[in-house]
C-alpha atoms as a PDB file:
ATOM      1  CA  MET A   1     -15.910 -11.895   6.447  1.00  0.00           C
ATOM      2  CA  ALA A   2     -13.672  -9.515   4.992  1.00  0.00           C
ATOM      3  CA  MET A   3     -10.625  -8.244   7.132  1.00  0.00           C
ATOM      4  CA  LYS A   4      -9.715  -5.028   8.188  1.00  0.00           C
ATOM      5  CA  GLU A   5      -5.797  -2.700   7.070  1.00  0.00           C
ATOM      6  CA  PHE A   6      -4.952  -0.173   7.597  1.00  0.00           C
ATOM      7  CA  VAL A   7      -3.174   2.399   4.792  1.00  0.00           C
ATOM      8  CA  ILE A   8      -2.115   5.311   4.553  1.00  0.00           C
ATOM      9  CA  LYS A   9      -3.659   7.608   1.765  1.00  0.00           C
ATOM     10  CA  PHE A  10      -3.146  10.874   0.313  1.00  0.00           C
ATOM     11  CA  THR A  11      -6.617  12.529  -0.069  1.00  0.00           C
ATOM     12  CA  SER A  12      -6.105  16.582  -1.454  1.00  0.00           C
ATOM     13  CA  ILE A  13      -2.623  18.076  -1.396  1.00  0.00           C
ATOM     14  CA  GLU A  14      -1.506  18.010   1.534  1.00  0.00           C
ATOM     15  CA  GLN A  15      -2.950  16.088   2.936  1.00  0.00           C
ATOM     16  CA  ALA A  16      -2.611  12.045   4.075  1.00  0.00           C
ATOM     17  CA  GLU A  17      -4.630  10.526   6.131  1.00  0.00           C
ATOM     18  CA  LEU A  18      -4.680   6.959   8.394  1.00  0.00           C
ATOM     19  CA  VAL A  19      -7.227   5.008   6.612  1.00  0.00           C
ATOM     20  CA  LYS A  20      -9.140   1.341   7.260  1.00  0.00           C
ATOM     21  CA  VAL A  21     -10.382  -0.583   4.457  1.00  0.00           C
ATOM     22  CA  ASP A  22     -11.722  -3.688   4.201  1.00  0.00           C
ATOM     23  CA  ILE A  23      -9.277  -6.584   2.672  1.00  0.00           C
ATOM     24  CA  ASP A  24     -10.197  -9.384   0.342  1.00  0.00           C
ATOM     25  CA  ASN A  25     -10.585 -12.551   0.780  1.00  0.00           C
ATOM     26  CA  LEU A  26     -10.601 -14.135  -2.223  1.00  0.00           C
ATOM     27  CA  PRO A  27      -8.086 -16.868  -3.267  1.00  0.00           C
ATOM     28  CA  LEU A  28      -4.543 -16.886  -3.846  1.00  0.00           C
ATOM     29  CA  GLY A  29      -3.182 -16.412  -7.585  1.00  0.00           C
ATOM     30  CA  PRO A  30      -0.248 -19.616  -8.472  1.00  0.00           C
ATOM     31  CA  LYS A  31       1.769 -16.166  -7.959  1.00  0.00           C
ATOM     32  CA  GLU A  32       0.867 -14.163  -5.171  1.00  0.00           C
ATOM     33  CA  VAL A  33       1.698 -13.739  -1.181  1.00  0.00           C
ATOM     34  CA  ALA A  34      -0.739 -12.246   1.301  1.00  0.00           C
ATOM     35  CA  GLY A  35       0.306 -11.582   4.789  1.00  0.00           C
ATOM     36  CA  HIS A  36       0.492  -8.491   7.044  1.00  0.00           C
ATOM     37  CA  THR A  37       2.589  -5.170   6.357  1.00  0.00           C
ATOM     38  CA  LEU A  38       4.361  -4.687   9.971  1.00  0.00           C
ATOM     39  CA  VAL A  39       6.028  -0.981   8.962  1.00  0.00           C
ATOM     40  CA  SER A  40       5.932   1.520   6.023  1.00  0.00           C
ATOM     41  CA  LEU A  41       8.142   4.161   4.697  1.00  0.00           C
ATOM     42  CA  VAL A  42       6.463   7.440   3.815  1.00  0.00           C
ATOM     43  CA  SER A  43       9.635   8.601   2.070  1.00  0.00           C
ATOM     44  CA  SER A  44      10.713  12.397   1.694  1.00  0.00           C
ATOM     45  CA  GLY A  45      11.121  11.844  -2.233  1.00  0.00           C
ATOM     46  CA  THR A  46       8.065  10.124  -3.590  1.00  0.00           C
ATOM     47  CA  GLU A  47       5.707  10.778  -1.140  1.00  0.00           C
ATOM     48  CA  VAL A  48       6.371  13.369   0.167  1.00  0.00           C
ATOM     49  CA  ALA A  49       7.778  15.915  -2.428  1.00  0.00           C
ATOM     50  CA  GLY A  50       5.948  14.255  -5.623  1.00  0.00           C
ATOM     51  CA  VAL A  51       2.686  13.607  -3.590  1.00  0.00           C
ATOM     52  CA  TYR A  52       2.502  15.215  -0.049  1.00  0.00           C
ATOM     53  CA  THR A  53       3.171  18.525  -2.266  1.00  0.00           C
ATOM     54  CA  ALA A  54       2.650  17.594  -5.838  1.00  0.00           C
ATOM     55  CA  ALA A  55       6.367  19.569  -6.151  1.00  0.00           C
ATOM     56  CA  HIS A  56       7.522  17.482  -9.268  1.00  0.00           C
ATOM     57  CA  TYR A  57       4.535  15.509 -10.603  1.00  0.00           C
ATOM     58  CA  GLU A  58       1.862  16.518 -12.707  1.00  0.00           C
ATOM     59  CA  ILE A  59      -0.328  15.715  -9.716  1.00  0.00           C
ATOM     60  CA  ASN A  60      -4.266  18.342  -9.214  1.00  0.00           C
ATOM     61  CA  GLU A  61      -6.569  17.220  -6.880  1.00  0.00           C
ATOM     62  CA  SER A  62      -8.238  15.487  -9.652  1.00  0.00           C
ATOM     63  CA  SER A  63      -4.969  12.376  -9.064  1.00  0.00           C
ATOM     64  CA  PHE A  64      -6.883  11.691  -5.365  1.00  0.00           C
ATOM     65  CA  PRO A  65      -7.243   9.749  -3.554  1.00  0.00           C
ATOM     66  CA  MET A  66      -3.901   7.832  -4.085  1.00  0.00           C
ATOM     67  CA  SER A  67      -2.437   5.358  -2.495  1.00  0.00           C
ATOM     68  CA  THR A  68       1.200   4.641  -1.928  1.00  0.00           C
ATOM     69  CA  GLY A  69       3.448   1.241  -0.225  1.00  0.00           C
ATOM     70  CA  TYR A  70       7.256  -0.171  -1.751  1.00  0.00           C
ATOM     71  CA  ALA A  71       8.840   0.516   0.380  1.00  0.00           C
ATOM     72  CA  CYS A  72       7.722  -1.727   3.801  1.00  0.00           C
ATOM     73  CA  VAL A  73       8.370  -5.053   6.079  1.00  0.00           C
ATOM     74  CA  PHE A  74       6.168  -6.957   5.772  1.00  0.00           C
ATOM     75  CA  ARG A  75       4.814 -10.854   7.037  1.00  0.00           C
ATOM     76  CA  VAL A  76       4.338 -13.607   4.219  1.00  0.00           C
ATOM     77  CA  GLU A  77       1.385 -15.439   5.526  1.00  0.00           C
ATOM     78  CA  GLN A  78       0.333 -17.274   2.738  1.00  0.00           C
ATOM     79  CA  ILE A  79       1.351 -18.177  -0.731  1.00  0.00           C
ATOM     80  CA  GLY A  80       0.326 -19.193  -4.143  1.00  0.00           C
ATOM     81  CA  SER A  81       0.893 -22.329  -5.149  1.00  0.00           C
ATOM     82  CA  GLU A  82       3.763 -21.584  -7.971  1.00  0.00           C
ATOM     83  CA  VAL A  83       5.810 -19.556  -5.872  1.00  0.00           C
ATOM     84  CA  SER A  84       9.129 -21.535  -3.764  1.00  0.00           C
ATOM     85  CA  SER A  85      11.496 -18.652  -2.881  1.00  0.00           C
ATOM     86  CA  ILE A  86       9.475 -17.386  -0.359  1.00  0.00           C
ATOM     87  CA  LEU A  87       8.140 -19.114   3.337  1.00  0.00           C
ATOM     88  CA  PRO A  88       5.714 -17.854   4.889  1.00  0.00           C
END
């Protein structure tokens, strides 16, 4: 059974939603990590000015839905067999 998580999804220009999504439970690849995001940043640059208002990127209605998520605090719970610099 797939686990459920929430993601911030930009569904159109000037519209964002907190959406429940399925997280797959496939085995990790040798260089992958898995876990849970504890907190995420919605930045005033990339997400707000760029994606939310479409002010700085070539974004139009056909670009949506869109997810971002490069700035977060993440709890690592599993590591792949070749991962050595991160511990769960």
